[in-house]
Amino acid sequence: MKVRESARQGGVIDWPYADGTNAGMGEIDHGQYPARSVDYINGCGLLVSRQAIEKAGMLDASFFIYYEETDWCVRIAKAGFDIRLSRRRGCGTRLRLIRANSAPRPCII
């Protein structure tokens, strides 16, 4: 069975409404979004240089579950680094989610 991957990887921050909008939310990834600068990258696929970490610091532990990567990306950008969404693939984990009385379903995290 082919597993469909979401195109949602990061996006832009709508500062007046304090909300982030993921590029490709709800879409299947067909490569329709080119590599580009964004405000944040979703936390499941961040590659960060040591220099960026040394200037911006680590993830803020006071965030619980949501927006820690958004805050980090903003701090990294303020430290002078570009936040780039790449089209390269290769970061992912395939798991089998099993519910009682049902067949296993593949899920990409």
N, C-alpha and C. Protein backbone atom coordinates (compact mmCIF):
# COMPACT_ATOMS: atom_id res chain seq x y z
N MET A 1 0.85 -1.17 0.00
CA MET A 1 0.00 0.00 0.00
C MET A 1 0.90 1.24 0.00
N LYS A 2 0.62 2.19 -0.87
CA LYS A 2 1.38 3.44 -0.92
C LYS A 2 0.84 4.39 0.14
N VAL A 3 1.75 4.95 0.92
CA VAL A 3 1.37 5.89 1.96
C VAL A 3 1.46 7.30 1.38
N ARG A 4 0.42 8.06 1.53
CA ARG A 4 0.42 9.45 1.04
C ARG A 4 1.01 10.36 2.09
N GLU A 5 1.85 11.26 1.65
CA GLU A 5 2.49 12.19 2.56
C GLU A 5 1.88 13.58 2.41
N SER A 6 1.68 14.23 3.52
CA SER A 6 1.12 15.58 3.52
C SER A 6 2.14 16.57 3.02
N ALA A 7 1.69 17.60 2.31
CA ALA A 7 2.57 18.65 1.82
C ALA A 7 2.91 19.66 2.90
N ARG A 8 2.29 19.56 4.02
CA ARG A 8 2.43 20.52 5.12
C ARG A 8 3.77 20.35 5.82
N GLN A 9 4.68 21.34 5.69
CA GLN A 9 5.98 21.24 6.33
C GLN A 9 6.38 22.49 7.09
N GLY A 10 5.75 23.57 6.85
CA GLY A 10 6.09 24.85 7.48
C GLY A 10 5.34 25.94 6.76
N GLY A 11 5.58 27.18 7.15
CA GLY A 11 4.84 28.23 6.48
C GLY A 11 5.14 29.61 7.02
N VAL A 12 4.11 30.43 7.02
CA VAL A 12 4.26 31.84 7.42
C VAL A 12 3.46 32.13 8.68
N ILE A 13 3.93 33.13 9.40
CA ILE A 13 3.24 33.57 10.62
C ILE A 13 2.39 34.78 10.29
N ASP A 14 1.13 34.72 10.69
CA ASP A 14 0.22 35.85 10.56
C ASP A 14 0.27 36.60 11.90
N TRP A 15 1.18 37.56 12.00
CA TRP A 15 1.44 38.25 13.26
C TRP A 15 0.23 38.95 13.86
N PRO A 16 -0.62 39.65 13.09
CA PRO A 16 -1.77 40.30 13.71
C PRO A 16 -2.73 39.32 14.41
N TYR A 17 -2.80 38.08 13.90
CA TYR A 17 -3.70 37.08 14.50
C TYR A 17 -2.95 36.04 15.32
N ALA A 18 -1.63 36.18 15.44
CA ALA A 18 -0.79 35.25 16.20
C ALA A 18 -1.07 33.80 15.81
N ASP A 19 -0.99 33.54 14.51
CA ASP A 19 -1.28 32.21 14.00
C ASP A 19 -0.30 31.86 12.89
N GLY A 20 -0.02 30.59 12.75
CA GLY A 20 0.83 30.11 11.67
C GLY A 20 0.00 29.41 10.62
N THR A 21 0.36 29.60 9.36
CA THR A 21 -0.35 28.94 8.26
C THR A 21 0.63 28.02 7.56
N ASN A 22 0.33 26.72 7.59
CA ASN A 22 1.17 25.74 6.92
C ASN A 22 0.91 25.74 5.43
N ALA A 23 1.99 25.78 4.66
CA ALA A 23 1.85 25.65 3.20
C ALA A 23 1.40 24.23 2.90
N GLY A 24 0.38 24.08 2.10
CA GLY A 24 -0.08 22.77 1.68
C GLY A 24 -0.94 22.03 2.69
N MET A 25 -1.50 22.72 3.65
CA MET A 25 -2.34 22.07 4.67
C MET A 25 -3.47 21.30 4.00
N GLY A 26 -3.57 20.02 4.31
CA GLY A 26 -4.63 19.18 3.77
C GLY A 26 -4.39 18.67 2.35
N GLU A 27 -3.21 18.96 1.79
CA GLU A 27 -2.90 18.52 0.42
C GLU A 27 -1.92 17.35 0.46
N ILE A 28 -1.97 16.54 -0.58
CA ILE A 28 -1.00 15.47 -0.76
C ILE A 28 0.23 16.08 -1.44
N ASP A 29 1.41 15.67 -0.99
CA ASP A 29 2.66 16.22 -1.53
C ASP A 29 2.95 15.63 -2.90
N HIS A 30 2.82 16.46 -3.92
CA HIS A 30 3.17 16.10 -5.29
C HIS A 30 4.36 16.92 -5.76
N GLY A 31 5.06 17.57 -4.84
CA GLY A 31 6.19 18.42 -5.20
C GLY A 31 5.77 19.78 -5.70
N GLN A 32 4.55 20.21 -5.36
CA GLN A 32 4.01 21.46 -5.89
C GLN A 32 4.58 22.71 -5.21
N TYR A 33 5.28 22.53 -4.10
CA TYR A 33 5.84 23.69 -3.39
C TYR A 33 7.36 23.68 -3.52
N PRO A 34 7.93 24.72 -4.10
CA PRO A 34 9.38 24.77 -4.29
C PRO A 34 10.12 25.09 -2.99
N ALA A 35 11.43 24.86 -2.99
CA ALA A 35 12.26 25.28 -1.85
C ALA A 35 12.17 26.79 -1.74
N ARG A 36 12.07 27.31 -0.50
CA ARG A 36 11.91 28.75 -0.32
C ARG A 36 12.12 29.13 1.14
N SER A 37 12.23 30.42 1.39
CA SER A 37 12.30 30.93 2.75
C SER A 37 10.90 30.96 3.35
N VAL A 38 10.81 30.58 4.63
CA VAL A 38 9.53 30.60 5.35
C VAL A 38 9.78 31.17 6.74
N ASP A 39 8.72 31.40 7.49
CA ASP A 39 8.86 31.89 8.86
C ASP A 39 9.19 30.77 9.84
N TYR A 40 8.70 29.57 9.57
CA TYR A 40 8.96 28.44 10.47
C TYR A 40 8.89 27.13 9.71
N ILE A 41 9.52 26.12 10.27
CA ILE A 41 9.47 24.74 9.77
C ILE A 41 8.86 23.90 10.88
N ASN A 42 7.99 22.97 10.52
CA ASN A 42 7.41 22.09 11.52
C ASN A 42 8.51 21.26 12.18
N GLY A 43 8.35 21.02 13.46
CA GLY A 43 9.39 20.40 14.28
C GLY A 43 9.79 18.99 13.91
N CYS A 44 9.02 18.30 13.10
CA CYS A 44 9.36 16.92 12.77
C CYS A 44 10.51 16.82 11.79
N GLY A 45 10.93 17.91 11.19
CA GLY A 45 11.97 17.81 10.18
C GLY A 45 12.94 18.97 10.16
N LEU A 46 13.44 19.37 11.31
CA LEU A 46 14.36 20.50 11.39
C LEU A 46 15.81 20.03 11.31
N LEU A 47 16.59 20.68 10.48
CA LEU A 47 18.04 20.51 10.48
C LEU A 47 18.61 21.89 10.79
N VAL A 48 19.32 22.01 11.89
CA VAL A 48 19.79 23.30 12.36
C VAL A 48 21.30 23.25 12.56
N SER A 49 21.99 24.26 12.06
CA SER A 49 23.45 24.28 12.20
C SER A 49 23.86 24.58 13.64
N ARG A 50 25.03 24.15 13.98
CA ARG A 50 25.56 24.42 15.31
C ARG A 50 25.69 25.93 15.55
N GLN A 51 26.10 26.66 14.50
CA GLN A 51 26.25 28.11 14.63
C GLN A 51 24.91 28.77 14.96
N ALA A 52 23.84 28.30 14.35
CA ALA A 52 22.51 28.86 14.63
C ALA A 52 22.10 28.56 16.07
N ILE A 53 22.39 27.35 16.53
CA ILE A 53 22.04 26.99 17.91
C ILE A 53 22.85 27.81 18.90
N GLU A 54 24.14 28.01 18.60
CA GLU A 54 24.99 28.80 19.50
C GLU A 54 24.51 30.24 19.60
N LYS A 55 23.99 30.81 18.50
CA LYS A 55 23.53 32.20 18.53
C LYS A 55 22.11 32.34 19.08
N ALA A 56 21.21 31.41 18.74
CA ALA A 56 19.80 31.54 19.12
C ALA A 56 19.43 30.74 20.36
N GLY A 57 20.27 29.78 20.76
CA GLY A 57 19.94 28.93 21.89
C GLY A 57 19.15 27.71 21.47
N MET A 58 18.85 26.87 22.44
CA MET A 58 18.10 25.65 22.19
C MET A 58 16.59 25.92 22.19
N LEU A 59 15.82 24.88 21.93
CA LEU A 59 14.37 24.98 22.03
C LEU A 59 13.99 25.40 23.45
N ASP A 60 12.97 26.22 23.56
CA ASP A 60 12.51 26.72 24.86
C ASP A 60 11.65 25.65 25.54
N ALA A 61 12.13 25.12 26.66
CA ALA A 61 11.43 24.04 27.37
C ALA A 61 10.11 24.48 27.99
N SER A 62 9.85 25.79 28.07
CA SER A 62 8.59 26.24 28.66
C SER A 62 7.40 26.04 27.72
N PHE A 63 7.67 25.79 26.42
CA PHE A 63 6.58 25.46 25.50
C PHE A 63 6.27 23.98 25.67
N PHE A 64 4.99 23.63 25.68
CA PHE A 64 4.59 22.23 25.81
C PHE A 64 3.81 21.82 24.57
N ILE A 65 4.38 20.99 23.76
CA ILE A 65 3.81 20.39 22.55
C ILE A 65 3.72 21.35 21.37
N TYR A 66 3.13 22.52 21.51
CA TYR A 66 2.89 23.36 20.34
C TYR A 66 3.73 24.64 20.35
N TYR A 67 4.13 25.04 19.17
CA TYR A 67 4.79 26.32 18.88
C TYR A 67 6.23 26.44 19.35
N GLU A 68 6.83 25.39 19.91
CA GLU A 68 8.23 25.50 20.30
C GLU A 68 9.13 25.65 19.08
N GLU A 69 8.80 24.97 17.98
CA GLU A 69 9.62 25.11 16.79
C GLU A 69 9.40 26.46 16.10
N THR A 70 8.20 26.99 16.21
CA THR A 70 7.92 28.31 15.64
C THR A 70 8.72 29.37 16.38
N ASP A 71 8.70 29.33 17.70
CA ASP A 71 9.49 30.25 18.50
C ASP A 71 10.98 30.12 18.17
N TRP A 72 11.46 28.90 18.05
CA TRP A 72 12.88 28.66 17.75
C TRP A 72 13.26 29.22 16.39
N CYS A 73 12.42 28.98 15.39
CA CYS A 73 12.69 29.51 14.05
C CYS A 73 12.72 31.03 14.06
N VAL A 74 11.82 31.67 14.79
CA VAL A 74 11.82 33.13 14.89
C VAL A 74 13.11 33.61 15.54
N ARG A 75 13.55 32.95 16.61
CA ARG A 75 14.79 33.35 17.27
C ARG A 75 16.01 33.12 16.37
N ILE A 76 16.00 32.02 15.62
CA ILE A 76 17.10 31.73 14.69
C ILE A 76 17.14 32.78 13.59
N ALA A 77 15.97 33.17 13.06
CA ALA A 77 15.92 34.21 12.03
C ALA A 77 16.40 35.56 12.58
N LYS A 78 15.99 35.88 13.80
CA LYS A 78 16.45 37.13 14.43
C LYS A 78 17.96 37.13 14.65
N ALA A 79 18.56 35.95 14.78
CA ALA A 79 20.00 35.82 14.95
C ALA A 79 20.74 35.93 13.62
N GLY A 80 19.97 36.12 12.52
CA GLY A 80 20.59 36.37 11.22
C GLY A 80 20.62 35.19 10.26
N PHE A 81 19.91 34.12 10.57
CA PHE A 81 19.91 32.94 9.71
C PHE A 81 18.62 32.88 8.89
N ASP A 82 18.70 32.28 7.71
CA ASP A 82 17.54 32.11 6.84
C ASP A 82 16.84 30.80 7.18
N ILE A 83 15.54 30.83 7.30
CA ILE A 83 14.74 29.62 7.53
C ILE A 83 14.26 29.16 6.16
N ARG A 84 14.75 28.00 5.72
CA ARG A 84 14.47 27.51 4.37
C ARG A 84 13.72 26.19 4.41
N LEU A 85 12.68 26.12 3.59
CA LEU A 85 11.95 24.88 3.39
C LEU A 85 12.58 24.19 2.19
N SER A 86 13.06 22.97 2.38
CA SER A 86 13.74 22.23 1.33
C SER A 86 12.79 21.24 0.68
N ARG A 87 13.03 20.91 -0.56
CA ARG A 87 12.21 19.91 -1.25
C ARG A 87 12.82 18.52 -1.13
N ARG A 88 13.98 18.40 -0.52
CA ARG A 88 14.59 17.08 -0.36
C ARG A 88 13.77 16.24 0.59
N ARG A 89 13.69 14.98 0.26
CA ARG A 89 12.98 14.05 1.14
C ARG A 89 13.99 13.15 1.81
N GLY A 90 13.58 12.40 2.76
CA GLY A 90 14.45 11.45 3.41
C GLY A 90 14.34 11.52 4.92
N CYS A 91 13.55 12.42 5.42
CA CYS A 91 13.33 12.52 6.85
C CYS A 91 11.93 12.01 7.13
N GLY A 92 11.84 10.91 7.82
CA GLY A 92 10.51 10.39 8.13
C GLY A 92 10.62 9.05 8.81
N THR A 93 9.57 8.65 9.46
CA THR A 93 9.50 7.37 10.13
C THR A 93 8.17 6.74 9.76
N ARG A 94 8.21 5.49 9.39
CA ARG A 94 6.97 4.79 9.08
C ARG A 94 6.62 3.89 10.26
N LEU A 95 5.43 4.06 10.76
CA LEU A 95 4.94 3.26 11.89
C LEU A 95 3.67 2.55 11.48
N ARG A 96 3.39 1.48 12.14
CA ARG A 96 2.11 0.81 11.96
C ARG A 96 1.27 1.10 13.19
N LEU A 97 0.17 1.81 12.98
CA LEU A 97 -0.75 2.08 14.08
C LEU A 97 -1.78 0.96 14.11
N ILE A 98 -1.97 0.38 15.28
CA ILE A 98 -2.88 -0.76 15.40
C ILE A 98 -3.99 -0.42 16.38
N ARG A 99 -5.21 -0.55 15.92
CA ARG A 99 -6.37 -0.38 16.77
C ARG A 99 -6.98 -1.75 17.01
N ALA A 100 -7.68 -1.89 18.10
CA ALA A 100 -8.33 -3.16 18.38
C ALA A 100 -9.32 -3.49 17.27
N ASN A 101 -9.33 -4.74 16.85
CA ASN A 101 -10.27 -5.24 15.84
C ASN A 101 -10.14 -4.56 14.49
N SER A 102 -8.95 -4.11 14.11
CA SER A 102 -8.79 -3.53 12.78
C SER A 102 -7.40 -3.87 12.24
N ALA A 103 -7.26 -3.75 10.94
CA ALA A 103 -5.97 -4.01 10.29
C ALA A 103 -4.99 -2.87 10.59
N PRO A 104 -3.69 -3.17 10.62
CA PRO A 104 -2.70 -2.10 10.82
C PRO A 104 -2.80 -1.07 9.70
N ARG A 105 -2.59 0.20 10.06
CA ARG A 105 -2.63 1.28 9.09
C ARG A 105 -1.29 2.01 9.11
N PRO A 106 -0.68 2.20 7.94
CA PRO A 106 0.59 2.92 7.93
C PRO A 106 0.40 4.39 8.22
N CYS A 107 1.38 4.96 8.87
CA CYS A 107 1.34 6.38 9.22
C CYS A 107 2.75 6.93 9.13
N ILE A 108 2.92 8.07 8.48
CA ILE A 108 4.23 8.70 8.41
C ILE A 108 4.28 9.82 9.43
N ILE A 109 5.34 9.79 10.23
CA ILE A 109 5.54 10.82 11.24
C ILE A 109 6.79 11.58 10.89
